[in-house]
């Protein structure tokens, strides 16, 4: 398995932690940003989209519930879509 695929597995696990509440948004974001081999294996637009989603996720974590203009649940759903497309791109 390549480093990019290993990092996609790690991203999958971290996303699961974000979904079940065992991983804080800031920690998830830091882990996701560190997956450089994964991002380098994907077209550049994937990095742009992921960083935008992570920026908004970090911003949403500063507010309670849905008081922020970014819905944390919607952002997590979009991260799942990003993950699924990244997986399809690598396969």
Protein backbone atom coordinates (compact mmCIF):
# COMPACT_ATOMS: atom_id res chain seq x y z
CA UNK A 1 0.00 0.00 0.00
CA UNK A 2 1.30 3.44 -0.90
CA UNK A 3 1.84 6.27 1.57
CA UNK A 4 -1.15 8.08 0.06
CA UNK A 5 -3.38 5.05 0.59
CA UNK A 6 -2.08 4.66 4.16
CA UNK A 7 -2.93 8.28 4.81
CA UNK A 8 -6.39 7.83 3.32
CA UNK A 9 -6.96 5.00 5.80
CA UNK A 10 -5.78 7.30 8.59
CA UNK A 11 -8.10 10.05 7.30
CA UNK A 12 -10.99 7.55 7.31
CA UNK A 13 -10.28 6.63 10.92
CA UNK A 14 -9.97 10.27 11.98
CA UNK A 15 -13.23 11.12 10.23
CA UNK A 16 -14.86 8.32 12.18
CA UNK A 17 -13.51 9.86 15.38
CA UNK A 18 -14.86 13.25 14.36
CA UNK A 19 -18.27 11.71 13.65
CA UNK A 20 -18.48 9.85 16.97
CA UNK A 21 -17.16 12.77 18.98
CA UNK A 22 -13.95 11.11 20.14
CA UNK A 23 -11.82 13.52 18.07
CA UNK A 24 -12.14 17.29 18.37
CA UNK A 25 -12.46 19.31 15.15
CA UNK A 26 -9.11 21.05 15.71
CA UNK A 27 -7.32 17.74 16.20
CA UNK A 28 -8.99 16.27 13.12
CA UNK A 29 -7.98 19.30 11.10
CA UNK A 30 -4.35 19.07 12.22
CA UNK A 31 -4.23 15.39 11.30
CA UNK A 32 -5.88 15.96 7.93
CA UNK A 33 -3.50 18.79 7.04
CA UNK A 34 -0.53 16.55 7.86
CA UNK A 35 -1.53 14.00 5.19
CA UNK A 36 0.81 15.48 2.61
CA UNK A 37 1.39 12.26 0.67
CA UNK A 38 -2.37 11.88 0.22
CA UNK A 39 -2.77 15.47 -0.94
CA UNK A 40 0.17 15.21 -3.32
CA UNK A 41 -1.33 12.08 -4.91
CA UNK A 42 -4.58 13.90 -5.68
CA UNK A 43 -5.25 16.70 -8.18
CA UNK A 44 -4.54 20.16 -6.70
CA UNK A 45 -8.23 21.05 -6.43
CA UNK A 46 -8.58 18.38 -3.71
CA UNK A 47 -6.12 20.24 -1.49
CA UNK A 48 -7.94 23.52 -2.07
CA UNK A 49 -11.33 22.03 -1.22
CA UNK A 50 -10.04 20.13 1.82
CA UNK A 51 -8.28 23.17 3.27
CA UNK A 52 -11.41 25.27 2.75
CA UNK A 53 -13.53 22.67 4.56
CA UNK A 54 -10.99 22.40 7.38
CA UNK A 55 -10.83 26.18 7.78
CA UNK A 56 -14.61 26.32 8.12
CA UNK A 57 -14.63 23.32 10.49
CA UNK A 58 -12.10 25.04 12.73
CA UNK A 59 -14.18 28.23 12.67
CA UNK A 60 -17.37 26.35 13.50
CA UNK A 61 -15.66 24.73 16.50
CA UNK A 62 -15.25 28.16 18.08
CA UNK A 63 -19.03 28.48 18.44
CA UNK A 64 -21.56 26.37 20.28
CA UNK A 65 -24.00 24.22 18.33
CA UNK A 66 -25.14 25.78 15.08
CA UNK A 67 -24.67 29.44 16.06
CA UNK A 68 -21.87 29.79 13.54
CA UNK A 69 -22.69 30.46 9.92
CA UNK A 70 -21.06 27.09 9.12
CA UNK A 71 -23.07 24.05 10.18
CA UNK A 72 -20.62 21.60 11.69
CA UNK A 73 -22.80 18.65 10.65
CA UNK A 74 -22.92 19.91 7.06
CA UNK A 75 -19.15 20.36 7.06
CA UNK A 76 -18.63 16.82 8.32
CA UNK A 77 -20.97 15.55 5.60
CA UNK A 78 -18.93 17.47 3.02
CA UNK A 79 -15.72 16.00 4.44
CA UNK A 80 -17.27 12.56 3.92
CA UNK A 81 -18.04 13.46 0.29
CA UNK A 82 -14.43 14.70 -0.12
CA UNK A 83 -13.18 11.42 1.35
CA UNK A 84 -15.34 9.32 -0.98
CA UNK A 85 -14.16 11.25 -4.04
CA UNK A 86 -10.53 11.04 -2.93
CA UNK A 87 -10.89 7.28 -2.50
CA UNK A 88 -12.38 6.95 -5.99
CA UNK A 89 -9.58 9.12 -7.42
CA UNK A 90 -6.87 6.95 -5.85
CA UNK A 91 -8.46 3.70 -7.01
